[in-house]
N, C-alpha and C. Protein backbone atom coordinates (compact mmCIF):
# COMPACT_ATOMS: atom_id res chain seq x y z
N MET A 1 -173.55 -67.01 296.42
CA MET A 1 -174.45 -68.53 296.34
C MET A 1 -174.74 -68.64 295.31
N MET A 2 -175.48 -67.91 294.38
CA MET A 2 -175.45 -68.56 292.76
C MET A 2 -174.66 -69.08 292.48
N LYS A 3 -173.50 -68.12 292.32
CA LYS A 3 -172.34 -68.65 292.09
C LYS A 3 -171.67 -70.41 291.82
N THR A 4 -171.97 -70.03 293.57
CA THR A 4 -171.29 -71.38 294.25
C THR A 4 -172.33 -72.47 293.81
N LEU A 5 -173.32 -72.48 293.62
CA LEU A 5 -174.09 -73.48 292.67
C LEU A 5 -174.04 -73.78 291.43
N SER A 6 -173.41 -72.68 290.47
CA SER A 6 -173.22 -72.81 289.29
C SER A 6 -171.99 -73.57 289.49
N TYR A 7 -170.73 -73.24 290.30
CA TYR A 7 -169.53 -74.24 290.02
C TYR A 7 -170.06 -75.57 290.59
N PHE A 8 -170.92 -75.78 291.59
CA PHE A 8 -171.57 -77.28 291.96
C PHE A 8 -171.93 -78.00 291.01
N PHE A 9 -172.94 -77.35 289.78
CA PHE A 9 -173.50 -77.87 288.75
C PHE A 9 -172.11 -78.45 287.71
N ILE A 10 -171.41 -77.50 287.58
CA ILE A 10 -170.72 -77.84 287.00
C ILE A 10 -169.20 -79.12 287.07
N ALA A 11 -169.13 -78.91 288.60
CA ALA A 11 -168.32 -80.18 289.45
C ALA A 11 -169.19 -81.18 288.89
N VAL A 12 -170.59 -81.22 289.23
CA VAL A 12 -171.03 -82.57 288.83
C VAL A 12 -170.97 -83.63 287.38
N LEU A 13 -171.18 -82.19 286.61
CA LEU A 13 -170.90 -82.72 285.05
C LEU A 13 -169.64 -83.72 285.03
N VAL A 14 -168.50 -82.18 285.07
CA VAL A 14 -166.97 -82.93 285.24
C VAL A 14 -166.76 -84.17 286.02
N SER A 15 -167.44 -84.67 287.16
CA SER A 15 -167.39 -86.17 287.89
C SER A 15 -168.15 -86.92 287.21
N ALA A 16 -169.11 -86.60 286.40
CA ALA A 16 -170.31 -87.70 285.81
C ALA A 16 -168.83 -88.01 284.60
N PHE A 17 -168.28 -87.15 284.25
CA PHE A 17 -167.90 -87.62 282.81
C PHE A 17 -166.35 -88.14 283.15
N PHE A 18 -165.73 -87.84 284.35
CA PHE A 18 -164.39 -88.54 284.79
C PHE A 18 -165.04 -90.15 285.15
N VAL A 19 -165.85 -90.13 285.83
CA VAL A 19 -166.36 -91.09 286.51
C VAL A 19 -166.85 -92.03 285.02
N SER A 20 -167.34 -92.10 284.18
CA SER A 20 -167.59 -92.72 282.71
C SER A 20 -166.04 -92.87 282.07
N CYS A 21 -165.22 -92.33 282.16
CA CYS A 21 -164.12 -92.93 281.67
C CYS A 21 -163.37 -93.66 282.18
N LYS A 22 -163.48 -94.01 283.34
CA LYS A 22 -163.23 -95.26 283.89
C LYS A 22 -163.77 -96.34 283.48
N THR A 23 -165.06 -96.47 282.61
CA THR A 23 -165.64 -97.73 282.23
C THR A 23 -164.89 -98.61 281.66
N THR A 24 -164.94 -99.58 281.71
CA THR A 24 -164.30 -101.15 281.06
C THR A 24 -165.14 -101.21 279.94
N GLN A 25 -166.33 -100.79 279.75
CA GLN A 25 -166.74 -101.15 278.41
C GLN A 25 -165.88 -100.55 277.14
N THR A 26 -166.72 -101.32 276.33
CA THR A 26 -165.90 -101.17 274.69
C THR A 26 -166.94 -100.05 274.10
N SER A 27 -167.97 -100.15 273.81
CA SER A 27 -168.96 -99.18 273.18
C SER A 27 -168.47 -97.94 273.67
N GLU A 28 -168.81 -97.10 272.68
CA GLU A 28 -168.53 -95.80 272.68
C GLU A 28 -170.01 -95.11 273.32
N LYS A 29 -171.14 -95.41 273.28
CA LYS A 29 -172.52 -95.19 273.97
C LYS A 29 -172.12 -95.08 275.38
N ALA A 30 -170.92 -96.35 275.90
CA ALA A 30 -170.86 -96.13 277.88
C ALA A 30 -169.87 -95.16 277.50
N ASP A 31 -169.00 -94.93 276.45
CA ASP A 31 -167.52 -94.29 276.74
C ASP A 31 -167.27 -92.73 276.23
N ARG A 32 -167.86 -91.76 277.27
CA ARG A 32 -167.90 -90.59 277.08
C ARG A 32 -166.64 -89.99 276.96
N PHE A 33 -165.33 -90.43 277.35
CA PHE A 33 -164.46 -90.05 276.56
C PHE A 33 -163.93 -90.14 275.40
N ALA A 34 -164.27 -91.36 274.60
CA ALA A 34 -164.19 -91.42 272.92
C ALA A 34 -165.75 -90.41 272.40
N ALA A 35 -166.70 -90.22 272.88
CA ALA A 35 -167.64 -89.46 272.26
C ALA A 35 -167.32 -88.20 272.75
N ALA A 36 -166.88 -87.63 273.33
CA ALA A 36 -166.07 -86.02 273.79
C ALA A 36 -165.08 -86.06 272.56
N ASP A 37 -164.37 -86.91 272.27
CA ASP A 37 -163.38 -87.11 271.14
C ASP A 37 -163.73 -86.91 269.44
N ALA A 38 -164.24 -85.54 269.51
CA ALA A 38 -165.09 -85.14 268.12
C ALA A 38 -163.81 -85.63 266.96
N ASN A 39 -162.79 -85.39 266.83
CA ASN A 39 -161.85 -85.82 265.99
C ASN A 39 -160.91 -87.28 265.95
N HIS A 40 -161.66 -87.97 266.93
CA HIS A 40 -161.26 -89.77 267.36
C HIS A 40 -159.76 -89.96 267.23
N ASP A 41 -158.90 -88.75 267.72
CA ASP A 41 -157.29 -88.61 267.40
C ASP A 41 -157.13 -89.34 269.18
N GLY A 42 -157.64 -89.58 269.94
CA GLY A 42 -157.43 -90.65 271.18
C GLY A 42 -156.94 -89.40 272.33
N LYS A 43 -156.96 -87.98 271.92
CA LYS A 43 -157.37 -86.85 272.80
C LYS A 43 -158.15 -85.91 272.88
N LEU A 44 -158.25 -85.07 274.34
CA LEU A 44 -159.40 -83.90 274.01
C LEU A 44 -158.59 -82.74 273.62
N SER A 45 -159.13 -81.74 273.16
CA SER A 45 -158.68 -80.67 273.06
C SER A 45 -159.42 -79.91 273.79
N GLN A 46 -159.63 -78.49 274.40
CA GLN A 46 -160.20 -77.92 275.15
C GLN A 46 -161.44 -77.29 274.58
N ALA A 47 -161.40 -77.25 273.31
CA ALA A 47 -162.47 -77.12 272.43
C ALA A 47 -163.60 -78.21 272.46
N GLU A 48 -163.11 -79.67 272.27
CA GLU A 48 -164.03 -80.86 272.69
C GLU A 48 -164.16 -80.79 273.57
N ALA A 49 -163.54 -81.05 274.67
CA ALA A 49 -163.88 -80.87 275.92
C ALA A 49 -165.24 -80.04 276.69
N THR A 50 -164.97 -78.78 276.17
CA THR A 50 -166.35 -77.76 276.29
C THR A 50 -167.40 -78.07 275.50
N ASN A 51 -167.18 -78.39 274.07
CA ASN A 51 -168.40 -78.97 273.67
C ASN A 51 -169.25 -80.25 274.40
N TYR A 52 -168.49 -80.95 274.67
CA TYR A 52 -168.99 -82.32 275.30
C TYR A 52 -169.95 -81.70 276.30
N PHE A 53 -169.35 -80.76 277.44
CA PHE A 53 -170.33 -80.60 278.70
C PHE A 53 -171.23 -79.76 278.32
N VAL A 54 -170.94 -78.86 277.39
CA VAL A 54 -172.13 -77.74 276.91
C VAL A 54 -173.06 -78.98 275.90
N ALA A 55 -173.09 -79.96 275.22
CA ALA A 55 -174.15 -80.33 274.92
C ALA A 55 -174.65 -81.19 276.00
N ALA A 56 -174.07 -81.86 276.98
CA ALA A 56 -174.79 -82.68 278.14
C ALA A 56 -175.94 -81.67 278.40
N MET A 57 -174.90 -80.12 278.97
CA MET A 57 -176.11 -79.26 280.15
C MET A 57 -177.25 -78.96 278.90
N PHE A 58 -177.16 -78.40 277.57
CA PHE A 58 -177.92 -78.07 276.66
C PHE A 58 -179.26 -79.17 276.63
N ALA A 59 -178.77 -80.46 276.35
CA ALA A 59 -179.63 -81.24 276.28
C ALA A 59 -180.78 -81.79 277.57
N GLY A 60 -179.98 -81.25 278.77
CA GLY A 60 -181.01 -81.25 280.08
C GLY A 60 -181.44 -80.40 279.92
N ALA A 61 -181.43 -78.85 279.48
CA ALA A 61 -181.78 -77.46 279.68
C ALA A 61 -183.34 -77.30 278.37
N ASP A 62 -182.83 -78.64 277.42
CA ASP A 62 -183.48 -78.30 276.26
C ASP A 62 -185.36 -79.12 276.80
N THR A 63 -186.01 -78.68 277.56
CA THR A 63 -187.37 -79.12 278.19
C THR A 63 -188.10 -79.66 276.82
N ASN A 64 -188.14 -78.91 276.12
CA ASN A 64 -189.18 -79.41 274.88
C ASN A 64 -188.46 -80.26 273.58
N HIS A 65 -187.24 -80.28 273.96
CA HIS A 65 -186.50 -81.17 272.84
C HIS A 65 -186.42 -80.67 271.32
N ASP A 66 -186.25 -79.13 270.96
CA ASP A 66 -186.38 -78.63 269.83
C ASP A 66 -185.27 -77.93 269.21
N GLY A 67 -184.27 -78.16 270.20
CA GLY A 67 -182.50 -77.60 269.65
C GLY A 67 -182.74 -76.30 269.94
N LYS A 68 -183.31 -75.96 270.69
CA LYS A 68 -183.31 -74.61 270.83
C LYS A 68 -183.58 -73.98 272.57
N LEU A 69 -182.54 -73.10 273.36
CA LEU A 69 -183.43 -72.61 274.37
C LEU A 69 -183.55 -71.58 274.58
N THR A 70 -185.00 -71.55 275.34
CA THR A 70 -185.62 -69.87 275.18
C THR A 70 -184.94 -69.33 276.52
N TRP A 71 -185.41 -68.30 276.87
CA TRP A 71 -184.93 -68.02 278.28
C TRP A 71 -185.39 -68.32 279.23
N GLU A 72 -186.61 -69.09 278.97
CA GLU A 72 -187.28 -70.14 280.43
C GLU A 72 -186.75 -71.15 280.60
N GLU A 73 -186.15 -71.89 279.21
CA GLU A 73 -185.36 -72.61 279.81
C GLU A 73 -183.98 -72.61 280.23
N TRP A 74 -183.27 -71.78 279.48
CA TRP A 74 -182.02 -71.44 280.13
C TRP A 74 -182.11 -70.69 281.65
N ASN A 75 -183.20 -70.18 282.06
CA ASN A 75 -183.19 -69.24 283.34
C ASN A 75 -183.57 -70.37 284.41
N VAL A 76 -182.23 -71.51 284.91
CA VAL A 76 -182.18 -72.41 286.02
C VAL A 76 -182.57 -71.51 287.20
N PRO A 77 -183.50 -71.56 288.32
CA PRO A 77 -183.09 -71.03 289.39
C PRO A 77 -181.98 -71.63 289.87
N GLY A 78 -180.97 -70.23 290.55
CA GLY A 78 -179.79 -70.70 291.18
C GLY A 78 -178.54 -71.37 290.56
N SER A 79 -178.85 -70.85 289.08
CA SER A 79 -177.38 -71.77 287.78
C SER A 79 -176.95 -70.29 288.17
N GLY A 80 -177.05 -69.32 288.76
CA GLY A 80 -176.19 -68.01 288.20
C GLY A 80 -176.37 -67.92 286.99
N ARG A 81 -177.55 -67.85 285.97
CA ARG A 81 -177.29 -67.67 284.64
C ARG A 81 -178.24 -66.12 284.39
N SER A 82 -177.78 -65.10 283.79
CA SER A 82 -178.82 -64.31 283.77
C SER A 82 -178.99 -63.76 282.66
N LYS A 83 -180.16 -62.94 282.36
CA LYS A 83 -180.77 -62.56 281.67
C LYS A 83 -179.55 -62.09 279.70
N LYS A 84 -178.52 -61.08 280.64
CA LYS A 84 -177.37 -60.82 279.99
C LYS A 84 -176.52 -61.46 279.62
N LYS A 85 -176.37 -62.56 279.93
CA LYS A 85 -175.44 -63.75 279.57
C LYS A 85 -176.38 -64.63 278.64
N PHE A 86 -177.47 -64.61 278.69
CA PHE A 86 -178.25 -65.37 277.69
C PHE A 86 -178.30 -64.11 276.54
N ASP A 87 -178.51 -62.87 276.31
CA ASP A 87 -178.74 -62.24 274.94
C ASP A 87 -177.06 -62.51 274.36
N ALA A 88 -176.36 -62.47 275.53
CA ALA A 88 -174.56 -62.71 275.20
C ALA A 88 -174.55 -63.99 273.99
N ALA A 89 -175.17 -65.11 274.76
CA ALA A 89 -175.04 -66.27 273.82
C ALA A 89 -176.05 -66.24 272.80
N ASP A 90 -176.92 -65.59 272.76
CA ASP A 90 -178.01 -65.52 271.47
C ASP A 90 -177.56 -64.47 270.49
N THR A 91 -176.35 -65.27 269.81
CA THR A 91 -175.77 -64.14 268.92
C THR A 91 -176.28 -63.61 267.82
N ASN A 92 -177.20 -64.18 267.16
CA ASN A 92 -178.19 -63.76 266.16
C ASN A 92 -179.55 -63.43 266.37
N LYS A 93 -179.32 -63.10 267.51
CA LYS A 93 -180.72 -62.31 268.31
C LYS A 93 -182.00 -62.88 268.30
N ASP A 94 -181.86 -63.83 267.76
CA ASP A 94 -183.63 -64.66 267.83
C ASP A 94 -184.41 -65.09 269.09
N ALA A 95 -183.80 -64.57 270.15
CA ALA A 95 -184.42 -64.84 271.46
C ALA A 95 -184.28 -66.38 271.90
N VAL A 96 -183.53 -67.48 271.08
CA VAL A 96 -183.47 -68.62 271.56
C VAL A 96 -181.48 -68.82 271.09
N VAL A 97 -181.41 -69.50 272.17
CA VAL A 97 -179.50 -70.12 271.78
C VAL A 97 -179.62 -71.57 271.23
N THR A 98 -178.76 -71.51 270.32
CA THR A 98 -178.97 -73.09 269.47
C THR A 98 -177.49 -73.52 270.44
N LEU A 99 -177.70 -74.81 269.83
CA LEU A 99 -176.03 -75.68 270.62
C LEU A 99 -174.92 -74.96 270.37
N PRO A 100 -174.91 -74.45 269.06
CA PRO A 100 -173.65 -73.95 267.96
C PRO A 100 -173.38 -72.51 269.05
N GLU A 101 -174.79 -71.92 269.19
CA GLU A 101 -173.92 -70.30 270.07
C GLU A 101 -174.02 -71.02 271.40
N ALA A 102 -174.55 -71.36 271.89
CA ALA A 102 -173.95 -71.94 273.58
C ALA A 102 -172.59 -72.67 273.47
N GLU A 103 -172.16 -73.41 272.86
CA GLU A 103 -171.01 -74.08 272.47
C GLU A 103 -170.04 -72.79 272.28
N ALA A 104 -170.33 -71.74 271.02
CA ALA A 104 -168.87 -70.40 270.87
C ALA A 104 -169.34 -69.87 272.41
N TYR A 105 -170.41 -69.38 272.98
CA TYR A 105 -170.08 -68.48 274.32
C TYR A 105 -169.74 -69.42 275.66
N ALA A 106 -169.89 -70.80 275.62
CA ALA A 106 -168.93 -71.47 276.36
C ALA A 106 -167.36 -71.46 276.64
N ARG A 107 -166.97 -71.22 275.37
CA ARG A 107 -165.31 -71.35 274.90
C ARG A 107 -164.94 -69.73 275.07
N LYS A 108 -166.06 -69.06 274.66
CA LYS A 108 -165.24 -67.20 274.94
C LYS A 108 -165.34 -67.04 276.02
N VAL A 109 -166.38 -67.32 277.05
CA VAL A 109 -165.97 -67.29 278.42
C VAL A 109 -165.21 -68.00 279.27
N GLY A 110 -164.75 -69.23 278.44
CA GLY A 110 -163.80 -69.89 279.02
C GLY A 110 -164.44 -70.97 280.18
N LEU A 111 -165.47 -71.43 280.01
CA LEU A 111 -166.17 -72.77 280.54
C LEU A 111 -165.46 -73.76 280.94
N TYR A 112 -164.73 -74.44 281.64
CA TYR A 112 -164.08 -75.48 282.06
C TYR A 112 -162.73 -75.39 282.22
N ASN A 113 -162.46 -73.71 281.76
CA ASN A 113 -160.89 -73.77 281.40
C ASN A 113 -159.76 -74.02 282.90
N LYS A 114 -160.40 -74.09 283.98
CA LYS A 114 -159.40 -74.34 285.28
C LYS A 114 -159.57 -75.55 285.08
N GLU A 115 -160.76 -76.31 285.08
CA GLU A 115 -160.51 -77.58 285.43
C GLU A 115 -159.69 -78.43 284.04
N PHE A 116 -159.90 -77.69 282.88
CA PHE A 116 -159.12 -78.53 282.04
C PHE A 116 -157.16 -78.31 281.92
N ARG A 117 -157.27 -77.11 282.22
CA ARG A 117 -155.95 -76.92 282.66
C ARG A 117 -155.30 -77.73 283.96
N GLU A 118 -155.83 -78.28 284.77
CA GLU A 118 -155.39 -78.77 285.98
C GLU A 118 -155.55 -80.37 285.46
N ALA A 119 -156.19 -80.68 284.92
CA ALA A 119 -156.23 -81.93 284.36
C ALA A 119 -155.19 -82.32 283.34
N ASP A 120 -154.68 -81.24 282.53
CA ASP A 120 -153.53 -81.12 281.74
C ASP A 120 -152.22 -81.09 282.18
N THR A 121 -151.58 -82.30 282.65
CA THR A 121 -150.73 -82.69 283.84
C THR A 121 -149.22 -82.41 282.90
N ASN A 122 -149.40 -82.58 281.47
CA ASN A 122 -148.05 -82.45 280.89
C ASN A 122 -148.20 -81.06 280.15
N HIS A 123 -148.94 -80.33 280.48
CA HIS A 123 -149.40 -79.41 279.70
C HIS A 123 -149.56 -79.00 278.25
N ASP A 124 -149.53 -79.81 277.74
CA ASP A 124 -149.45 -80.00 275.91
C ASP A 124 -150.96 -79.27 275.08
N GLY A 125 -151.68 -78.96 276.00
CA GLY A 125 -153.16 -78.51 275.78
C GLY A 125 -154.06 -79.69 275.21
N TYR A 126 -153.62 -80.91 275.45
CA TYR A 126 -154.95 -81.67 275.61
C TYR A 126 -154.97 -82.88 276.76
N LEU A 127 -155.79 -83.55 276.89
CA LEU A 127 -156.33 -84.16 277.86
C LEU A 127 -156.16 -85.79 276.88
N THR A 128 -155.41 -86.60 277.38
CA THR A 128 -155.54 -88.01 277.33
C THR A 128 -156.36 -88.62 278.21
N ARG A 129 -156.84 -89.73 278.05
CA ARG A 129 -157.91 -90.71 278.71
C ARG A 129 -156.98 -91.12 280.17
N GLU A 130 -155.82 -91.25 280.04
CA GLU A 130 -154.80 -91.34 281.63
C GLU A 130 -154.91 -90.24 282.73
N GLU A 131 -154.82 -88.65 281.42
CA GLU A 131 -154.92 -87.55 282.74
C GLU A 131 -156.42 -87.54 283.03
N VAL A 132 -157.48 -88.06 282.14
CA VAL A 132 -158.63 -87.91 282.88
C VAL A 132 -158.85 -88.57 284.41
N LYS A 133 -158.59 -89.77 283.47
CA LYS A 133 -158.38 -90.60 284.70
C LYS A 133 -158.07 -90.25 285.89
N ALA A 134 -156.52 -89.64 286.20
CA ALA A 134 -155.88 -89.24 287.32
C ALA A 134 -156.47 -88.05 287.67
N TYR A 135 -157.25 -87.27 286.70
CA TYR A 135 -157.61 -86.40 287.51
C TYR A 135 -158.81 -86.30 288.34
N TYR A 136 -159.46 -87.36 287.73
CA TYR A 136 -160.62 -87.53 288.59
C TYR A 136 -160.13 -88.47 290.11
N ALA A 137 -159.31 -88.88 289.79
CA ALA A 137 -158.97 -89.77 291.01
C ALA A 137 -158.43 -88.87 291.91
N SER A 138 -158.11 -87.68 291.60
CA SER A 138 -157.57 -86.64 292.76
C SER A 138 -158.89 -85.85 293.25
N LYS A 139 -159.82 -85.55 292.32
CA LYS A 139 -160.97 -85.34 292.80
C LYS A 139 -161.98 -85.94 293.46
N ALA A 140 -162.03 -87.15 293.12
CA ALA A 140 -162.93 -88.04 294.13
C ALA A 140 -162.44 -89.05 294.77
N GLY A 141 -161.08 -89.45 294.38
CA GLY A 141 -160.28 -90.78 295.30
C GLY A 141 -160.56 -91.90 294.38
N PRO A 142 -160.06 -92.89 294.76
CA PRO A 142 -160.04 -94.15 293.71
C PRO A 142 -161.36 -94.69 293.69
N ALA A 143 -161.17 -95.42 292.30
CA ALA A 143 -162.52 -96.57 292.17
C ALA A 143 -163.13 -97.18 293.26
N ARG A 144 -164.10 -97.35 294.01
CA ARG A 144 -164.20 -98.23 295.16
C ARG A 144 -164.93 -99.74 294.07
């Protein structure tokens, strides 16, 4: 059950990202693909995509907005997150997880790897805007 809820939460975030990539607005604020493209090369690496999603989850969990997640902030009921995973992410063992620690942990455990591989239809290790749109359409259907 907890694993299913965790996958559901990931699917919601991925869907929100892909929906936003369909925008016709040109501002970077409204263009999440451009925001995720940290090196501005027009494509997303696995690390860029992972970091983008982790940053979004981190911001939502950091309830006091101090740039650190405590166990209480990390431990969302039903998320499947365990104290063991929290401790693994807290690499400097200071009882909080920072965004860089969360990003490193997500890459280490392969968060979003499956979705990334599915979206990378030409298997070049990067996602183009077109691949992201196609992936979204395959999961959510055409835009209404």
